[in-house]
Amino acid sequence: MTLQCINPDGIPTPEHYSHVVVAQGSRLVFVAGQTAEEDEGNLVGPGDMVKQARQVFANIGRALAAAGARPSQVTKLNIFVAGYKREHLEMIEQGRISLFADHKPADTLIGVAALSHGDYMLEVDAVAVIG
């Protein structure tokens, strides 16, 4: 499987993601929206975006591993943030970097009024392409 991350001329180059990801492989892995719950189903970090982000991305990593995928094979993320404020971005990036390091899949960040549980601050889904 190969990924080519592209930031086209004429579009500002983002710091934390790529505008385009071209993937070649034979299997797609779709990870459902992950929230900041630990293995017993308890919320990690109520009211703390950094702790929730770290748990969310750790859960994405576990889900990928269960499918035989690696974080470096992720092509697309959708990031849903309850009550989004600009200052949340750097907090979310701490969790993202803990999983992806310098890999920058394409992403979309969407501010929403609320998630499925009132204390969830963040939910992220992912798509990976594996050989």
N, C-alpha and C. Protein backbone atom coordinates (compact mmCIF):
# COMPACT_ATOMS: atom_id res chain seq x y z
N MET A 1 0.84 -1.17 0.00
CA MET A 1 0.00 0.00 0.00
C MET A 1 0.88 1.23 0.00
N THR A 2 0.53 2.20 -0.81
CA THR A 2 1.26 3.46 -0.84
C THR A 2 0.29 4.62 -0.68
N LEU A 3 0.78 5.65 0.00
CA LEU A 3 0.02 6.90 0.14
C LEU A 3 0.88 8.03 -0.39
N GLN A 4 0.23 8.91 -1.13
CA GLN A 4 0.91 10.11 -1.59
C GLN A 4 0.12 11.29 -1.02
N CYS A 5 0.73 12.06 -0.13
CA CYS A 5 0.09 13.24 0.45
C CYS A 5 0.47 14.46 -0.38
N ILE A 6 -0.54 15.22 -0.78
CA ILE A 6 -0.33 16.35 -1.70
C ILE A 6 -0.95 17.60 -1.10
N ASN A 7 -0.21 18.70 -1.19
CA ASN A 7 -0.74 20.03 -0.90
C ASN A 7 -0.54 20.86 -2.16
N PRO A 8 -1.61 21.03 -2.96
CA PRO A 8 -1.49 21.67 -4.26
C PRO A 8 -1.06 23.13 -4.18
N ASP A 9 -0.36 23.57 -5.23
CA ASP A 9 -0.04 24.99 -5.37
C ASP A 9 -1.34 25.78 -5.43
N GLY A 10 -1.31 26.97 -4.89
CA GLY A 10 -2.48 27.84 -4.93
C GLY A 10 -3.43 27.66 -3.76
N ILE A 11 -3.15 26.68 -2.87
CA ILE A 11 -3.94 26.47 -1.66
C ILE A 11 -2.96 26.54 -0.50
N PRO A 12 -3.27 27.29 0.56
CA PRO A 12 -2.33 27.37 1.68
C PRO A 12 -2.01 25.98 2.24
N THR A 13 -0.73 25.73 2.53
CA THR A 13 -0.31 24.43 3.06
C THR A 13 -0.65 24.35 4.54
N PRO A 14 -1.50 23.37 4.92
CA PRO A 14 -1.88 23.24 6.33
C PRO A 14 -0.75 22.61 7.16
N GLU A 15 -0.75 22.92 8.44
CA GLU A 15 0.30 22.40 9.32
C GLU A 15 0.05 20.96 9.73
N HIS A 16 -1.22 20.57 9.93
CA HIS A 16 -1.52 19.30 10.57
C HIS A 16 -2.20 18.25 9.69
N TYR A 17 -2.48 18.56 8.44
CA TYR A 17 -3.13 17.59 7.57
C TYR A 17 -2.72 17.85 6.13
N SER A 18 -3.14 16.98 5.22
CA SER A 18 -2.88 17.16 3.79
C SER A 18 -4.20 17.44 3.08
N HIS A 19 -4.15 18.26 2.05
CA HIS A 19 -5.37 18.54 1.28
C HIS A 19 -5.83 17.32 0.49
N VAL A 20 -4.88 16.55 -0.02
CA VAL A 20 -5.19 15.42 -0.88
C VAL A 20 -4.34 14.23 -0.45
N VAL A 21 -4.96 13.06 -0.41
CA VAL A 21 -4.22 11.82 -0.19
C VAL A 21 -4.62 10.84 -1.28
N VAL A 22 -3.64 10.38 -2.04
CA VAL A 22 -3.88 9.37 -3.07
C VAL A 22 -3.42 8.04 -2.49
N ALA A 23 -4.32 7.06 -2.44
CA ALA A 23 -4.02 5.77 -1.82
C ALA A 23 -4.12 4.66 -2.85
N GLN A 24 -3.16 3.75 -2.79
CA GLN A 24 -3.22 2.55 -3.61
C GLN A 24 -3.07 1.36 -2.67
N GLY A 25 -4.02 0.46 -2.72
CA GLY A 25 -4.01 -0.71 -1.87
C GLY A 25 -5.18 -1.59 -2.24
N SER A 26 -5.35 -2.66 -1.49
CA SER A 26 -6.40 -3.59 -1.87
C SER A 26 -7.53 -3.72 -0.85
N ARG A 27 -7.36 -3.12 0.34
CA ARG A 27 -8.41 -3.22 1.35
C ARG A 27 -8.66 -1.86 1.98
N LEU A 28 -9.93 -1.56 2.22
CA LEU A 28 -10.31 -0.34 2.93
C LEU A 28 -10.71 -0.72 4.34
N VAL A 29 -10.32 0.10 5.30
CA VAL A 29 -10.70 -0.08 6.69
C VAL A 29 -11.45 1.18 7.11
N PHE A 30 -12.67 1.00 7.60
CA PHE A 30 -13.49 2.11 8.07
C PHE A 30 -13.64 1.99 9.58
N VAL A 31 -13.19 3.00 10.31
CA VAL A 31 -13.30 3.00 11.76
C VAL A 31 -14.43 3.94 12.15
N ALA A 32 -15.40 3.40 12.89
CA ALA A 32 -16.54 4.19 13.35
C ALA A 32 -16.06 5.31 14.28
N GLY A 33 -16.89 6.30 14.47
CA GLY A 33 -16.57 7.40 15.37
C GLY A 33 -16.16 6.90 16.74
N GLN A 34 -14.98 7.32 17.17
CA GLN A 34 -14.46 6.94 18.47
C GLN A 34 -14.57 8.11 19.44
N THR A 35 -14.96 7.80 20.66
CA THR A 35 -15.08 8.82 21.70
C THR A 35 -14.06 8.51 22.80
N ALA A 36 -14.08 9.31 23.83
CA ALA A 36 -13.08 9.22 24.90
C ALA A 36 -13.49 8.24 25.99
N GLU A 37 -13.88 7.04 25.59
CA GLU A 37 -14.22 6.01 26.57
C GLU A 37 -13.08 5.00 26.67
N GLU A 38 -12.79 4.56 27.90
CA GLU A 38 -11.82 3.50 28.10
C GLU A 38 -12.52 2.16 27.98
N ASP A 39 -11.78 1.08 28.14
CA ASP A 39 -12.31 -0.26 27.82
C ASP A 39 -13.52 -0.68 28.66
N GLU A 40 -13.74 -0.07 29.80
CA GLU A 40 -14.91 -0.38 30.63
C GLU A 40 -16.11 0.49 30.26
N GLY A 41 -15.93 1.39 29.30
CA GLY A 41 -17.01 2.26 28.87
C GLY A 41 -17.12 3.55 29.66
N ASN A 42 -16.13 3.85 30.50
CA ASN A 42 -16.13 5.08 31.29
C ASN A 42 -15.47 6.21 30.51
N LEU A 43 -16.04 7.40 30.61
CA LEU A 43 -15.49 8.57 29.95
C LEU A 43 -14.16 8.96 30.59
N VAL A 44 -13.17 9.22 29.77
CA VAL A 44 -11.87 9.70 30.23
C VAL A 44 -11.86 11.22 30.06
N GLY A 45 -11.49 11.95 31.10
CA GLY A 45 -11.29 13.39 31.00
C GLY A 45 -12.54 14.24 30.83
N PRO A 46 -13.56 14.07 31.65
CA PRO A 46 -14.72 14.96 31.53
C PRO A 46 -14.29 16.43 31.60
N GLY A 47 -14.68 17.21 30.60
CA GLY A 47 -14.35 18.63 30.58
C GLY A 47 -12.93 18.95 30.18
N ASP A 48 -12.12 17.96 29.82
CA ASP A 48 -10.71 18.16 29.48
C ASP A 48 -10.46 17.70 28.04
N MET A 49 -10.37 18.67 27.14
CA MET A 49 -10.22 18.35 25.71
C MET A 49 -8.94 17.57 25.44
N VAL A 50 -7.84 17.89 26.11
CA VAL A 50 -6.57 17.20 25.85
C VAL A 50 -6.69 15.73 26.23
N LYS A 51 -7.22 15.44 27.41
CA LYS A 51 -7.36 14.05 27.84
C LYS A 51 -8.32 13.30 26.93
N GLN A 52 -9.41 13.94 26.55
CA GLN A 52 -10.35 13.27 25.64
C GLN A 52 -9.70 13.02 24.29
N ALA A 53 -8.97 13.98 23.77
CA ALA A 53 -8.33 13.80 22.47
C ALA A 53 -7.33 12.65 22.50
N ARG A 54 -6.55 12.57 23.55
CA ARG A 54 -5.58 11.47 23.65
C ARG A 54 -6.30 10.12 23.69
N GLN A 55 -7.41 10.03 24.41
CA GLN A 55 -8.15 8.76 24.49
C GLN A 55 -8.81 8.43 23.15
N VAL A 56 -9.39 9.43 22.51
CA VAL A 56 -10.04 9.21 21.21
C VAL A 56 -9.03 8.66 20.21
N PHE A 57 -7.86 9.28 20.10
CA PHE A 57 -6.88 8.82 19.12
C PHE A 57 -6.26 7.49 19.54
N ALA A 58 -6.14 7.24 20.83
CA ALA A 58 -5.68 5.91 21.27
C ALA A 58 -6.70 4.85 20.86
N ASN A 59 -7.99 5.16 20.97
CA ASN A 59 -9.03 4.21 20.55
C ASN A 59 -8.98 3.98 19.04
N ILE A 60 -8.72 5.03 18.28
CA ILE A 60 -8.57 4.86 16.82
C ILE A 60 -7.41 3.91 16.55
N GLY A 61 -6.30 4.09 17.24
CA GLY A 61 -5.14 3.22 17.07
C GLY A 61 -5.48 1.77 17.38
N ARG A 62 -6.24 1.53 18.44
CA ARG A 62 -6.64 0.17 18.80
C ARG A 62 -7.55 -0.43 17.72
N ALA A 63 -8.47 0.37 17.22
CA ALA A 63 -9.39 -0.11 16.18
C ALA A 63 -8.63 -0.45 14.90
N LEU A 64 -7.69 0.40 14.53
CA LEU A 64 -6.88 0.13 13.34
C LEU A 64 -6.11 -1.17 13.50
N ALA A 65 -5.47 -1.34 14.65
CA ALA A 65 -4.68 -2.55 14.91
C ALA A 65 -5.54 -3.80 14.82
N ALA A 66 -6.78 -3.72 15.31
CA ALA A 66 -7.68 -4.87 15.27
C ALA A 66 -7.97 -5.30 13.83
N ALA A 67 -7.88 -4.35 12.89
CA ALA A 67 -8.12 -4.64 11.47
C ALA A 67 -6.83 -4.90 10.71
N GLY A 68 -5.71 -4.91 11.42
CA GLY A 68 -4.43 -5.13 10.75
C GLY A 68 -3.90 -3.90 10.05
N ALA A 69 -4.35 -2.73 10.48
CA ALA A 69 -3.92 -1.47 9.86
C ALA A 69 -3.03 -0.68 10.81
N ARG A 70 -2.23 0.19 10.24
CA ARG A 70 -1.36 1.07 11.01
C ARG A 70 -1.83 2.52 10.86
N PRO A 71 -1.52 3.38 11.83
CA PRO A 71 -1.87 4.79 11.69
C PRO A 71 -1.35 5.42 10.40
N SER A 72 -0.18 5.00 9.95
CA SER A 72 0.41 5.56 8.73
C SER A 72 -0.38 5.21 7.47
N GLN A 73 -1.38 4.32 7.59
CA GLN A 73 -2.20 3.93 6.45
C GLN A 73 -3.55 4.67 6.43
N VAL A 74 -3.77 5.54 7.39
CA VAL A 74 -5.01 6.32 7.42
C VAL A 74 -4.97 7.39 6.35
N THR A 75 -6.05 7.46 5.57
CA THR A 75 -6.14 8.43 4.49
C THR A 75 -7.04 9.61 4.82
N LYS A 76 -8.04 9.39 5.70
CA LYS A 76 -9.05 10.43 5.95
C LYS A 76 -9.57 10.33 7.36
N LEU A 77 -9.73 11.48 8.00
CA LEU A 77 -10.35 11.60 9.31
C LEU A 77 -11.50 12.59 9.23
N ASN A 78 -12.56 12.32 9.98
CA ASN A 78 -13.61 13.30 10.24
C ASN A 78 -13.58 13.54 11.74
N ILE A 79 -13.43 14.81 12.12
CA ILE A 79 -13.29 15.18 13.52
C ILE A 79 -14.50 16.03 13.89
N PHE A 80 -15.29 15.55 14.83
CA PHE A 80 -16.49 16.25 15.28
C PHE A 80 -16.22 16.80 16.68
N VAL A 81 -16.43 18.11 16.86
CA VAL A 81 -16.13 18.76 18.13
C VAL A 81 -17.37 19.47 18.65
N ALA A 82 -17.81 19.07 19.84
CA ALA A 82 -18.97 19.71 20.45
C ALA A 82 -18.59 21.11 20.92
N GLY A 83 -19.39 22.11 20.54
CA GLY A 83 -19.14 23.48 20.96
C GLY A 83 -17.78 24.00 20.56
N TYR A 84 -17.36 23.70 19.33
CA TYR A 84 -16.01 24.03 18.86
C TYR A 84 -15.66 25.50 19.06
N LYS A 85 -14.43 25.69 19.55
CA LYS A 85 -13.80 27.01 19.65
C LYS A 85 -12.40 26.86 19.07
N ARG A 86 -11.88 27.90 18.50
CA ARG A 86 -10.57 27.86 17.83
C ARG A 86 -9.47 27.31 18.75
N GLU A 87 -9.54 27.61 20.05
CA GLU A 87 -8.50 27.13 20.97
C GLU A 87 -8.52 25.62 21.16
N HIS A 88 -9.60 24.95 20.74
CA HIS A 88 -9.65 23.49 20.83
C HIS A 88 -8.67 22.83 19.86
N LEU A 89 -8.36 23.50 18.77
CA LEU A 89 -7.55 22.89 17.72
C LEU A 89 -6.21 22.38 18.25
N GLU A 90 -5.47 23.20 18.97
CA GLU A 90 -4.17 22.76 19.48
C GLU A 90 -4.32 21.63 20.49
N MET A 91 -5.40 21.61 21.26
CA MET A 91 -5.64 20.54 22.22
C MET A 91 -5.89 19.22 21.49
N ILE A 92 -6.68 19.28 20.42
CA ILE A 92 -6.97 18.10 19.62
C ILE A 92 -5.69 17.59 18.96
N GLU A 93 -4.86 18.51 18.50
CA GLU A 93 -3.61 18.12 17.83
C GLU A 93 -2.70 17.31 18.75
N GLN A 94 -2.75 17.55 20.06
CA GLN A 94 -1.92 16.76 20.98
C GLN A 94 -2.29 15.28 20.89
N GLY A 95 -3.57 14.99 20.85
CA GLY A 95 -4.01 13.61 20.71
C GLY A 95 -3.68 13.05 19.34
N ARG A 96 -3.90 13.85 18.34
CA ARG A 96 -3.63 13.42 16.96
C ARG A 96 -2.16 13.07 16.76
N ILE A 97 -1.27 13.92 17.23
CA ILE A 97 0.16 13.69 17.07
C ILE A 97 0.61 12.47 17.86
N SER A 98 -0.05 12.20 19.01
CA SER A 98 0.33 11.03 19.79
C SER A 98 0.10 9.73 19.02
N LEU A 99 -0.83 9.74 18.06
CA LEU A 99 -1.08 8.55 17.23
C LEU A 99 -0.34 8.63 15.91
N PHE A 100 -0.40 9.75 15.24
CA PHE A 100 0.07 9.86 13.86
C PHE A 100 1.50 10.40 13.71
N ALA A 101 2.08 10.97 14.75
CA ALA A 101 3.40 11.60 14.65
C ALA A 101 3.38 12.59 13.49
N ASP A 102 4.22 12.39 12.46
CA ASP A 102 4.26 13.36 11.36
C ASP A 102 3.40 12.95 10.16
N HIS A 103 2.65 11.85 10.25
CA HIS A 103 1.72 11.47 9.17
C HIS A 103 0.52 12.42 9.20
N LYS A 104 0.14 12.92 8.04
CA LYS A 104 -0.91 13.93 7.96
C LYS A 104 -2.00 13.52 6.98
N PRO A 105 -2.93 12.65 7.42
CA PRO A 105 -4.04 12.29 6.53
C PRO A 105 -4.94 13.50 6.27
N ALA A 106 -5.70 13.42 5.20
CA ALA A 106 -6.70 14.45 4.94
C ALA A 106 -7.70 14.44 6.09
N ASP A 107 -8.24 15.62 6.43
CA ASP A 107 -9.25 15.62 7.48
C ASP A 107 -10.25 16.74 7.29
N THR A 108 -11.36 16.58 7.97
CA THR A 108 -12.38 17.61 8.05
C THR A 108 -12.74 17.77 9.51
N LEU A 109 -12.69 19.00 10.02
CA LEU A 109 -13.09 19.28 11.39
C LEU A 109 -14.45 19.97 11.35
N ILE A 110 -15.39 19.42 12.11
CA ILE A 110 -16.77 19.91 12.08
C ILE A 110 -17.20 20.26 13.49
N GLY A 111 -17.55 21.50 13.71
CA GLY A 111 -18.11 21.90 14.99
C GLY A 111 -19.58 21.53 15.03
N VAL A 112 -20.00 20.89 16.11
CA VAL A 112 -21.39 20.48 16.27
C VAL A 112 -21.91 20.99 17.61
N ALA A 113 -23.23 21.08 17.73
CA ALA A 113 -23.82 21.54 18.99
C ALA A 113 -23.57 20.55 20.12
N ALA A 114 -23.70 19.27 19.83
CA ALA A 114 -23.52 18.23 20.85
C ALA A 114 -23.23 16.91 20.17
N LEU A 115 -22.67 15.98 20.95
CA LEU A 115 -22.45 14.61 20.49
C LEU A 115 -23.45 13.70 21.19
N SER A 116 -23.31 12.40 21.04
CA SER A 116 -24.31 11.45 21.54
C SER A 116 -24.43 11.39 23.06
N HIS A 117 -23.45 11.90 23.77
CA HIS A 117 -23.47 11.97 25.23
C HIS A 117 -23.05 13.39 25.60
N GLY A 118 -23.72 14.00 26.52
CA GLY A 118 -23.48 15.40 26.86
C GLY A 118 -22.06 15.73 27.29
N ASP A 119 -21.31 14.76 27.81
CA ASP A 119 -19.95 15.03 28.27
C ASP A 119 -18.88 14.74 27.21
N TYR A 120 -19.27 14.17 26.08
CA TYR A 120 -18.31 13.95 25.00
C TYR A 120 -17.98 15.30 24.37
N MET A 121 -16.71 15.57 24.23
CA MET A 121 -16.27 16.80 23.59
C MET A 121 -15.80 16.56 22.16
N LEU A 122 -15.48 15.30 21.84
CA LEU A 122 -14.81 14.98 20.59
C LEU A 122 -15.19 13.59 20.12
N GLU A 123 -15.38 13.43 18.82
CA GLU A 123 -15.58 12.12 18.20
C GLU A 123 -14.86 12.13 16.86
N VAL A 124 -14.13 11.06 16.56
CA VAL A 124 -13.33 11.01 15.33
C VAL A 124 -13.55 9.66 14.66
N ASP A 125 -13.79 9.69 13.34
CA ASP A 125 -13.81 8.44 12.56
C ASP A 125 -12.65 8.47 11.57
N ALA A 126 -12.33 7.30 11.01
CA ALA A 126 -11.14 7.20 10.16
C ALA A 126 -11.36 6.22 9.02
N VAL A 127 -10.63 6.43 7.94
CA VAL A 127 -10.57 5.51 6.81
C VAL A 127 -9.09 5.23 6.53
N ALA A 128 -8.76 3.95 6.38
CA ALA A 128 -7.39 3.54 6.05
C ALA A 128 -7.42 2.66 4.81
N VAL A 129 -6.34 2.65 4.07
CA VAL A 129 -6.16 1.77 2.92
C VAL A 129 -4.94 0.92 3.21
N ILE A 130 -5.13 -0.39 3.15
CA ILE A 130 -4.03 -1.30 3.45
C ILE A 130 -3.83 -2.26 2.27
N GLY A 131 -2.61 -2.78 2.17
CA GLY A 131 -2.25 -3.67 1.08
C GLY A 131 -2.86 -4.99 1.29
